[in-house]
């Protein structure tokens, strides 16, 4: 499902316009992004938890040349599904 299909589905299920559904989805993703940028977690009951996990600096290899290269440390976004999603897909 791509973004347009998601917006259409939200609009239909919530009985709102596609523009309102698109605005909601944009606001939702912006709130998640800004909250994670500030270092906080987001937990939505029965849906899941968004959090950050630090990844340490490490050595890797350039796949074209085989030369060792340093991969910088970074934060990894982690989504842990909640019980509602786990139960729905199993």
PDB file of N, CA and C in Angstrom:
ATOM      1  N   UNK A   1       0.849  -1.171   0.000  1.00  0.00           N
ATOM      2  CA  UNK A   1       0.000   0.000   0.000  1.00  0.00           C
ATOM      3  C   UNK A   1       0.897   1.237   0.000  1.00  0.00           C
ATOM      4  N   UNK A   2       0.656   2.144  -0.915  1.00  0.00           N
ATOM      5  CA  UNK A   2       1.427   3.385  -0.942  1.00  0.00           C
ATOM      6  C   UNK A   2       0.659   4.495  -0.218  1.00  0.00           C
ATOM      7  N   UNK A   3       1.235   5.689  -0.168  1.00  0.00           N
ATOM      8  CA  UNK A   3       0.643   6.782   0.596  1.00  0.00           C
ATOM      9  C   UNK A   3      -0.736   7.154   0.072  1.00  0.00           C
ATOM     10  N   UNK A   4      -0.901   7.239  -1.248  1.00  0.00           N
ATOM     11  CA  UNK A   4      -2.208   7.606  -1.810  1.00  0.00           C
ATOM     12  C   UNK A   4      -3.274   6.584  -1.455  1.00  0.00           C
ATOM     13  N   UNK A   5      -2.936   5.316  -1.517  1.00  0.00           N
ATOM     14  CA  UNK A   5      -3.890   4.270  -1.155  1.00  0.00           C
ATOM     15  C   UNK A   5      -4.241   4.352   0.328  1.00  0.00           C
ATOM     16  N   UNK A   6      -3.248   4.654   1.165  1.00  0.00           N
ATOM     17  CA  UNK A   6      -3.494   4.798   2.603  1.00  0.00           C
ATOM     18  C   UNK A   6      -4.412   5.981   2.875  1.00  0.00           C
ATOM     19  N   UNK A   7      -4.157   7.108   2.223  1.00  0.00           N
ATOM     20  CA  UNK A   7      -5.003   8.291   2.395  1.00  0.00           C
ATOM     21  C   UNK A   7      -6.434   7.977   1.962  1.00  0.00           C
ATOM     22  N   UNK A   8      -6.598   7.311   0.832  1.00  0.00           N
ATOM     23  CA  UNK A   8      -7.943   6.949   0.362  1.00  0.00           C
ATOM     24  C   UNK A   8      -8.651   6.043   1.361  1.00  0.00           C
ATOM     25  N   UNK A   9      -7.938   5.076   1.911  1.00  0.00           N
ATOM     26  CA  UNK A   9      -8.525   4.145   2.872  1.00  0.00           C
ATOM     27  C   UNK A   9      -8.921   4.864   4.165  1.00  0.00           C
ATOM     28  N   UNK A  10      -8.053   5.753   4.657  1.00  0.00           N
ATOM     29  CA  UNK A  10      -8.373   6.529   5.863  1.00  0.00           C
ATOM     30  C   UNK A  10      -9.598   7.389   5.619  1.00  0.00           C
ATOM     31  N   UNK A  11      -9.635   8.069   4.477  1.00  0.00           N
ATOM     32  CA  UNK A  11     -10.768   8.939   4.159  1.00  0.00           C
ATOM     33  C   UNK A  11     -12.073   8.156   4.123  1.00  0.00           C
ATOM     34  N   UNK A  12     -12.039   6.993   3.528  1.00  0.00           N
ATOM     35  CA  UNK A  12     -13.246   6.175   3.418  1.00  0.00           C
ATOM     36  C   UNK A  12     -13.688   5.662   4.788  1.00  0.00           C
ATOM     37  N   UNK A  13     -12.768   5.136   5.577  1.00  0.00           N
ATOM     38  CA  UNK A  13     -13.124   4.561   6.881  1.00  0.00           C
ATOM     39  C   UNK A  13     -13.564   5.612   7.895  1.00  0.00           C
ATOM     40  N   UNK A  14     -12.970   6.811   7.829  1.00  0.00           N
ATOM     41  CA  UNK A  14     -13.305   7.868   8.779  1.00  0.00           C
ATOM     42  C   UNK A  14     -14.403   8.795   8.246  1.00  0.00           C
ATOM     43  N   UNK A  15     -14.855   8.548   7.028  1.00  0.00           N
ATOM     44  CA  UNK A  15     -15.887   9.375   6.384  1.00  0.00           C
ATOM     45  C   UNK A  15     -15.477  10.852   6.378  1.00  0.00           C
ATOM     46  N   UNK A  16     -14.237  11.100   5.933  1.00  0.00           N
ATOM     47  CA  UNK A  16     -13.729  12.458   5.792  1.00  0.00           C
ATOM     48  C   UNK A  16     -13.191  12.625   4.383  1.00  0.00           C
ATOM     49  N   UNK A  17     -12.873  13.863   4.028  1.00  0.00           N
ATOM     50  CA  UNK A  17     -12.349  14.111   2.684  1.00  0.00           C
ATOM     51  C   UNK A  17     -10.928  13.571   2.554  1.00  0.00           C
ATOM     52  N   UNK A  18     -10.511  13.337   1.321  1.00  0.00           N
ATOM     53  CA  UNK A  18      -9.143  12.867   1.077  1.00  0.00           C
ATOM     54  C   UNK A  18      -8.125  13.915   1.521  1.00  0.00           C
ATOM     55  N   UNK A  19      -8.483  15.206   1.375  1.00  0.00           N
ATOM     56  CA  UNK A  19      -7.579  16.264   1.805  1.00  0.00           C
ATOM     57  C   UNK A  19      -7.386  16.215   3.314  1.00  0.00           C
ATOM     58  N   UNK A  20      -8.470  16.049   4.053  1.00  0.00           N
ATOM     59  CA  UNK A  20      -8.368  15.963   5.513  1.00  0.00           C
ATOM     60  C   UNK A  20      -7.571  14.723   5.933  1.00  0.00           C
ATOM     61  N   UNK A  21      -7.787  13.610   5.256  1.00  0.00           N
ATOM     62  CA  UNK A  21      -7.050  12.382   5.562  1.00  0.00           C
ATOM     63  C   UNK A  21      -5.563  12.571   5.266  1.00  0.00           C
ATOM     64  N   UNK A  22      -5.246  13.237   4.150  1.00  0.00           N
ATOM     65  CA  UNK A  22      -3.847  13.517   3.810  1.00  0.00           C
ATOM     66  C   UNK A  22      -3.204  14.441   4.825  1.00  0.00           C
ATOM     67  N   UNK A  23      -3.953  15.473   5.257  1.00  0.00           N
ATOM     68  CA  UNK A  23      -3.438  16.392   6.278  1.00  0.00           C
ATOM     69  C   UNK A  23      -3.188  15.656   7.591  1.00  0.00           C
ATOM     70  N   UNK A  24      -4.105  14.754   7.949  1.00  0.00           N
ATOM     71  CA  UNK A  24      -3.932  13.963   9.174  1.00  0.00           C
ATOM     72  C   UNK A  24      -2.672  13.106   9.080  1.00  0.00           C
ATOM     73  N   UNK A  25      -2.511  12.401   7.967  1.00  0.00           N
ATOM     74  CA  UNK A  25      -1.355  11.520   7.815  1.00  0.00           C
ATOM     75  C   UNK A  25      -0.048  12.306   7.852  1.00  0.00           C
ATOM     76  N   UNK A  26      -0.023  13.466   7.197  1.00  0.00           N
ATOM     77  CA  UNK A  26       1.179  14.309   7.221  1.00  0.00           C
ATOM     78  C   UNK A  26       1.488  14.780   8.643  1.00  0.00           C
ATOM     79  N   UNK A  27       0.451  15.190   9.382  1.00  0.00           N
ATOM     80  CA  UNK A  27       0.646  15.649  10.760  1.00  0.00           C
ATOM     81  C   UNK A  27       1.118  14.502  11.643  1.00  0.00           C
ATOM     82  N   UNK A  28       0.537  13.321  11.462  1.00  0.00           N
ATOM     83  CA  UNK A  28       0.906  12.140  12.248  1.00  0.00           C
ATOM     84  C   UNK A  28       2.379  11.799  12.049  1.00  0.00           C
ATOM     85  N   UNK A  29       2.823  11.751  10.797  1.00  0.00           N
ATOM     86  CA  UNK A  29       4.226  11.414  10.537  1.00  0.00           C
ATOM     87  C   UNK A  29       5.166  12.509  11.031  1.00  0.00           C
ATOM     88  N   UNK A  30       4.729  13.766  10.945  1.00  0.00           N
ATOM     89  CA  UNK A  30       5.566  14.870  11.428  1.00  0.00           C
ATOM     90  C   UNK A  30       5.733  14.803  12.944  1.00  0.00           C
ATOM     91  N   UNK A  31       4.648  14.502  13.663  1.00  0.00           N
ATOM     92  CA  UNK A  31       4.721  14.392  15.121  1.00  0.00           C
ATOM     93  C   UNK A  31       5.658  13.252  15.522  1.00  0.00           C
ATOM     94  N   UNK A  32       5.547  12.116  14.851  1.00  0.00           N
ATOM     95  CA  UNK A  32       6.428  10.981  15.158  1.00  0.00           C
ATOM     96  C   UNK A  32       7.882  11.359  14.908  1.00  0.00           C
ATOM     97  N   UNK A  33       8.154  11.971  13.767  1.00  0.00           N
ATOM     98  CA  UNK A  33       9.519  12.363  13.412  1.00  0.00           C
ATOM     99  C   UNK A  33      10.099  13.349  14.421  1.00  0.00           C
ATOM    100  N   UNK A  34       9.340  14.385  14.752  1.00  0.00           N
ATOM    101  CA  UNK A  34       9.838  15.413  15.667  1.00  0.00           C
ATOM    102  C   UNK A  34      10.025  14.855  17.080  1.00  0.00           C
ATOM    103  N   UNK A  35       9.149  13.957  17.496  1.00  0.00           N
ATOM    104  CA  UNK A  35       9.283  13.356  18.822  1.00  0.00           C
ATOM    105  C   UNK A  35      10.534  12.494  18.889  1.00  0.00           C
ATOM    106  N   UNK A  36      10.782  11.700  17.849  1.00  0.00           N
ATOM    107  CA  UNK A  36      11.995  10.880  17.823  1.00  0.00           C
ATOM    108  C   UNK A  36      13.247  11.747  17.744  1.00  0.00           C
ATOM    109  N   UNK A  37      13.189  12.847  16.987  1.00  0.00           N
ATOM    110  CA  UNK A  37      14.330  13.757  16.902  1.00  0.00           C
ATOM    111  C   UNK A  37      14.694  14.316  18.271  1.00  0.00           C
ATOM    112  N   UNK A  38      13.687  14.524  19.123  1.00  0.00           N
ATOM    113  CA  UNK A  38      13.942  15.076  20.456  1.00  0.00           C
ATOM    114  C   UNK A  38      14.412  14.006  21.439  1.00  0.00           C
ATOM    115  N   UNK A  39      14.478  12.743  20.988  1.00  0.00           N
ATOM    116  CA  UNK A  39      14.983  11.669  21.824  1.00  0.00           C
ATOM    117  C   UNK A  39      13.928  10.950  22.644  1.00  0.00           C
ATOM    118  N   UNK A  40      12.663  11.257  22.425  1.00  0.00           N
ATOM    119  CA  UNK A  40      11.584  10.618  23.176  1.00  0.00           C
ATOM    120  C   UNK A  40      11.028   9.421  22.415  1.00  0.00           C
ATOM    121  N   UNK A  41      10.333   8.558  23.137  1.00  0.00           N
ATOM    122  CA  UNK A  41       9.646   7.414  22.536  1.00  0.00           C
ATOM    123  C   UNK A  41       8.178   7.755  22.330  1.00  0.00           C
ATOM    124  N   UNK A  42       7.535   6.995  21.438  1.00  0.00           N
ATOM    125  CA  UNK A  42       6.099   7.121  21.226  1.00  0.00           C
ATOM    126  C   UNK A  42       5.493   5.742  21.402  1.00  0.00           C
ATOM    127  N   UNK A  43       4.522   5.636  22.303  1.00  0.00           N
ATOM    128  CA  UNK A  43       3.848   4.359  22.531  1.00  0.00           C
ATOM    129  C   UNK A  43       2.357   4.550  22.290  1.00  0.00           C
ATOM    130  N   UNK A  44       1.796   3.737  21.387  1.00  0.00           N
ATOM    131  CA  UNK A  44       0.368   3.765  21.085  1.00  0.00           C
ATOM    132  C   UNK A  44      -0.176   2.391  21.459  1.00  0.00           C
ATOM    133  N   UNK A  45      -1.055   2.362  22.458  1.00  0.00           N
ATOM    134  CA  UNK A  45      -1.585   1.105  22.980  1.00  0.00           C
ATOM    135  C   UNK A  45      -2.241   0.307  21.851  1.00  0.00           C
ATOM    136  N   UNK A  46      -1.956  -0.987  21.806  1.00  0.00           N
ATOM    137  CA  UNK A  46      -2.444  -1.951  20.816  1.00  0.00           C
ATOM    138  C   UNK A  46      -1.899  -1.712  19.405  1.00  0.00           C
ATOM    139  N   UNK A  47      -1.085  -0.688  19.218  1.00  0.00           N
ATOM    140  CA  UNK A  47      -0.478  -0.451  17.910  1.00  0.00           C
ATOM    141  C   UNK A  47       1.008  -0.760  17.948  1.00  0.00           C
ATOM    142  N   UNK A  48       1.744  -0.026  18.805  1.00  0.00           N
ATOM    143  CA  UNK A  48       3.168  -0.292  18.907  1.00  0.00           C
ATOM    144  C   UNK A  48       3.939   0.856  19.504  1.00  0.00           C
ATOM    145  N   UNK A  49       5.264   0.695  19.505  1.00  0.00           N
ATOM    146  CA  UNK A  49       6.156   1.676  20.109  1.00  0.00           C
ATOM    147  C   UNK A  49       7.251   2.044  19.112  1.00  0.00           C
ATOM    148  N   UNK A  50       7.451   3.346  18.923  1.00  0.00           N
ATOM    149  CA  UNK A  50       8.550   3.867  18.119  1.00  0.00           C
ATOM    150  C   UNK A  50       9.625   4.347  19.080  1.00  0.00           C
ATOM    151  N   UNK A  51      10.866   3.945  18.832  1.00  0.00           N
ATOM    152  CA  UNK A  51      11.967   4.386  19.682  1.00  0.00           C
ATOM    153  C   UNK A  51      13.251   4.446  18.865  1.00  0.00           C
ATOM    154  N   UNK A  52      14.295   4.985  19.490  1.00  0.00           N
ATOM    155  CA  UNK A  52      15.612   5.068  18.852  1.00  0.00           C
ATOM    156  C   UNK A  52      16.575   4.140  19.559  1.00  0.00           C
ATOM    157  N   UNK A  53      17.437   3.501  18.802  1.00  0.00           N
ATOM    158  CA  UNK A  53      18.502   2.673  19.341  1.00  0.00           C
ATOM    159  C   UNK A  53      19.815   3.172  18.742  1.00  0.00           C
ATOM    160  N   UNK A  54      20.777   3.522  19.594  1.00  0.00           N
ATOM    161  CA  UNK A  54      22.059   3.994  19.049  1.00  0.00           C
ATOM    162  C   UNK A  54      22.844   2.840  18.420  1.00  0.00           C
ATOM    163  N   UNK A  55      23.462   3.127  17.294  1.00  0.00           N
ATOM    164  CA  UNK A  55      24.357   2.156  16.646  1.00  0.00           C
ATOM    165  C   UNK A  55      25.767   2.708  16.736  1.00  0.00           C
ATOM    166  N   UNK A  56      26.671   1.895  17.206  1.00  0.00           N
ATOM    167  CA  UNK A  56      28.064   2.316  17.399  1.00  0.00           C
ATOM    168  C   UNK A  56      28.790   2.412  16.055  1.00  0.00           C
ATOM    169  N   UNK A  57      29.856   3.180  16.073  1.00  0.00           N
ATOM    170  CA  UNK A  57      30.743   3.266  14.917  1.00  0.00           C
ATOM    171  C   UNK A  57      31.355   1.888  14.685  1.00  0.00           C
ATOM    172  N   UNK A  58      31.508   1.505  13.431  1.00  0.00           N
ATOM    173  CA  UNK A  58      32.065   0.177  13.155  1.00  0.00           C
ATOM    174  C   UNK A  58      32.810   0.186  11.831  1.00  0.00           C
ATOM    175  N   UNK A  59      33.587  -0.854  11.628  1.00  0.00           N
ATOM    176  CA  UNK A  59      34.314  -0.994  10.370  1.00  0.00           C
ATOM    177  C   UNK A  59      33.496  -1.860   9.420  1.00  0.00           C
ATOM    178  N   UNK A  60      33.465  -1.440   8.172  1.00  0.00           N
ATOM    179  CA  UNK A  60      32.789  -2.197   7.135  1.00  0.00           C
ATOM    180  C   UNK A  60      33.705  -2.315   5.937  1.00  0.00           C
ATOM    181  N   UNK A  61      33.179  -2.803   4.833  1.00  0.00           N
ATOM    182  CA  UNK A  61      33.969  -2.932   3.606  1.00  0.00           C
ATOM    183  C   UNK A  61      33.220  -2.302   2.449  1.00  0.00           C
ATOM    184  N   UNK A  62      33.969  -1.605   1.600  1.00  0.00           N
ATOM    185  CA  UNK A  62      33.402  -1.065   0.379  1.00  0.00           C
ATOM    186  C   UNK A  62      33.113  -2.256  -0.543  1.00  0.00           C
ATOM    187  N   UNK A  63      31.863  -2.460  -0.949  1.00  0.00           N
ATOM    188  CA  UNK A  63      31.539  -3.647  -1.740  1.00  0.00           C
ATOM    189  C   UNK A  63      32.192  -3.658  -3.127  1.00  0.00           C
ATOM    190  N   UNK A  64      32.536  -2.490  -3.657  1.00  0.00           N
ATOM    191  CA  UNK A  64      33.144  -2.445  -4.986  1.00  0.00           C
ATOM    192  C   UNK A  64      34.638  -2.734  -4.950  1.00  0.00           C
ATOM    193  N   UNK A  65      35.312  -2.174  -3.930  1.00  0.00           N
ATOM    194  CA  UNK A  65      36.768  -2.310  -3.893  1.00  0.00           C
ATOM    195  C   UNK A  65      37.251  -3.278  -2.829  1.00  0.00           C
ATOM    196  N   UNK A  66      36.409  -3.590  -1.859  1.00  0.00           N
ATOM    197  CA  UNK A  66      36.814  -4.472  -0.774  1.00  0.00           C
ATOM    198  C   UNK A  66      37.632  -3.781   0.294  1.00  0.00           C
ATOM    199  N   UNK A  67      37.864  -2.467   0.144  1.00  0.00           N
ATOM    200  CA  UNK A  67      38.652  -1.717   1.118  1.00  0.00           C
ATOM    201  C   UNK A  67      37.860  -1.536   2.407  1.00  0.00           C
ATOM    202  N   UNK A  68      38.555  -1.603   3.556  1.00  0.00           N
ATOM    203  CA  UNK A  68      37.872  -1.316   4.826  1.00  0.00           C
ATOM    204  C   UNK A  68      37.470   0.155   4.882  1.00  0.00           C
ATOM    205  N   UNK A  69      36.321   0.405   5.482  1.00  0.00           N
ATOM    206  CA  UNK A  69      35.869   1.787   5.631  1.00  0.00           C
ATOM    207  C   UNK A  69      35.129   1.934   6.954  1.00  0.00           C
ATOM    208  N   UNK A  70      35.183   3.135   7.504  1.00  0.00           N
ATOM    209  CA  UNK A  70      34.546   3.418   8.780  1.00  0.00           C
ATOM    210  C   UNK A  70      33.086   3.799   8.532  1.00  0.00           C
ATOM    211  N   UNK A  71      32.176   3.123   9.213  1.00  0.00           N
ATOM    212  CA  UNK A  71      30.753   3.456   9.151  1.00  0.00           C
ATOM    213  C   UNK A  71      30.450   4.241  10.415  1.00  0.00           C
ATOM    214  N   UNK A  72      29.984   5.471  10.246  1.00  0.00           N
ATOM    215  CA  UNK A  72      29.744   6.376  11.363  1.00  0.00           C
ATOM    216  C   UNK A  72      28.631   5.862  12.278  1.00  0.00           C
ATOM    217  N   UNK A  73      28.674   6.282  13.528  1.00  0.00           N
ATOM    218  CA  UNK A  73      27.604   5.934  14.460  1.00  0.00           C
ATOM    219  C   UNK A  73      26.326   6.658  14.025  1.00  0.00           C
ATOM    220  N   UNK A  74      25.189   6.069  14.362  1.00  0.00           N
ATOM    221  CA  UNK A  74      23.907   6.643  13.967  1.00  0.00           C
ATOM    222  C   UNK A  74      22.821   6.125  14.904  1.00  0.00           C
ATOM    223  N   UNK A  75      21.685   6.796  14.875  1.00  0.00           N
ATOM    224  CA  UNK A  75      20.520   6.325  15.600  1.00  0.00           C
ATOM    225  C   UNK A  75      19.650   5.524  14.647  1.00  0.00           C
ATOM    226  N   UNK A  76      19.164   4.396  15.121  1.00  0.00           N
ATOM    227  CA  UNK A  76      18.299   3.532  14.326  1.00  0.00           C
ATOM    228  C   UNK A  76      16.877   3.655  14.869  1.00  0.00           C
ATOM    229  N   UNK A  77      15.915   3.885  13.986  1.00  0.00           N
ATOM    230  CA  UNK A  77      14.513   3.936  14.399  1.00  0.00           C
ATOM    231  C   UNK A  77      13.992   2.508  14.493  1.00  0.00           C
ATOM    232  N   UNK A  78      13.379   2.200  15.638  1.00  0.00           N
ATOM    233  CA  UNK A  78      12.868   0.856  15.893  1.00  0.00           C
ATOM    234  C   UNK A  78      11.364   0.940  16.118  1.00  0.00           C
ATOM    235  N   UNK A  79      10.616   0.036  15.478  1.00  0.00           N
ATOM    236  CA  UNK A  79       9.182  -0.078  15.730  1.00  0.00           C
ATOM    237  C   UNK A  79       8.921  -1.461  16.299  1.00  0.00           C
ATOM    238  N   UNK A  80       8.337  -1.491  17.485  1.00  0.00           N
ATOM    239  CA  UNK A  80       7.980  -2.760  18.110  1.00  0.00           C
ATOM    240  C   UNK A  80       6.452  -2.852  18.089  1.00  0.00           C
ATOM    241  N   UNK A  81       5.896  -3.790  17.334  1.00  0.00           N
ATOM    242  CA  UNK A  81       4.441  -3.871  17.232  1.00  0.00           C
ATOM    243  C   UNK A  81       3.802  -4.250  18.561  1.00  0.00           C
ATOM    244  N   UNK A  82       2.604  -3.713  18.773  1.00  0.00           N
ATOM    245  CA  UNK A  82       1.853  -4.011  19.981  1.00  0.00           C
ATOM    246  C   UNK A  82       1.044  -5.287  19.839  1.00  0.00           C
ATOM    247  N   UNK A  83       0.379  -5.659  20.923  1.00  0.00           N
ATOM    248  CA  UNK A  83      -0.393  -6.893  20.962  1.00  0.00           C
ATOM    249  C   UNK A  83      -1.506  -6.903  19.918  1.00  0.00           C
ATOM    250  N   UNK A  84      -2.145  -5.771  19.689  1.00  0.00           N
ATOM    251  CA  UNK A  84      -3.239  -5.696  18.714  1.00  0.00           C
ATOM    252  C   UNK A  84      -2.784  -6.081  17.310  1.00  0.00           C
ATOM    253  N   UNK A  85      -1.639  -5.572  16.893  1.00  0.00           N
ATOM    254  CA  UNK A  85      -1.118  -5.889  15.558  1.00  0.00           C
ATOM    255  C   UNK A  85      -0.634  -7.335  15.510  1.00  0.00           C
ATOM    256  N   UNK A  86       0.081  -7.758  16.548  1.00  0.00           N
ATOM    257  CA  UNK A  86       0.579  -9.139  16.582  1.00  0.00           C
ATOM    258  C   UNK A  86      -0.562 -10.142  16.480  1.00  0.00           C
ATOM    259  N   UNK A  87      -1.631  -9.895  17.247  1.00  0.00           N
ATOM    260  CA  UNK A  87      -2.779 -10.806  17.214  1.00  0.00           C
ATOM    261  C   UNK A  87      -3.474 -10.785  15.855  1.00  0.00           C
ATOM    262  N   UNK A  88      -3.532  -9.623  15.207  1.00  0.00           N
ATOM    263  CA  UNK A  88      -4.228  -9.504  13.922  1.00  0.00           C
ATOM    264  C   UNK A  88      -3.516 -10.237  12.803  1.00  0.00           C
ATOM    265  N   UNK A  89      -2.190 -10.270  12.832  1.00  0.00           N
ATOM    266  CA  UNK A  89      -1.456 -10.894  11.728  1.00  0.00           C
ATOM    267  C   UNK A  89      -1.131 -12.354  11.958  1.00  0.00           C
ATOM    268  N   UNK A  90      -1.355 -12.847  13.158  1.00  0.00           N
ATOM    269  CA  UNK A  90      -1.070 -14.260  13.443  1.00  0.00           C
ATOM    270  C   UNK A  90      -2.340 -15.062  13.600  1.00  0.00           C
TER     271      UNK A  90
END
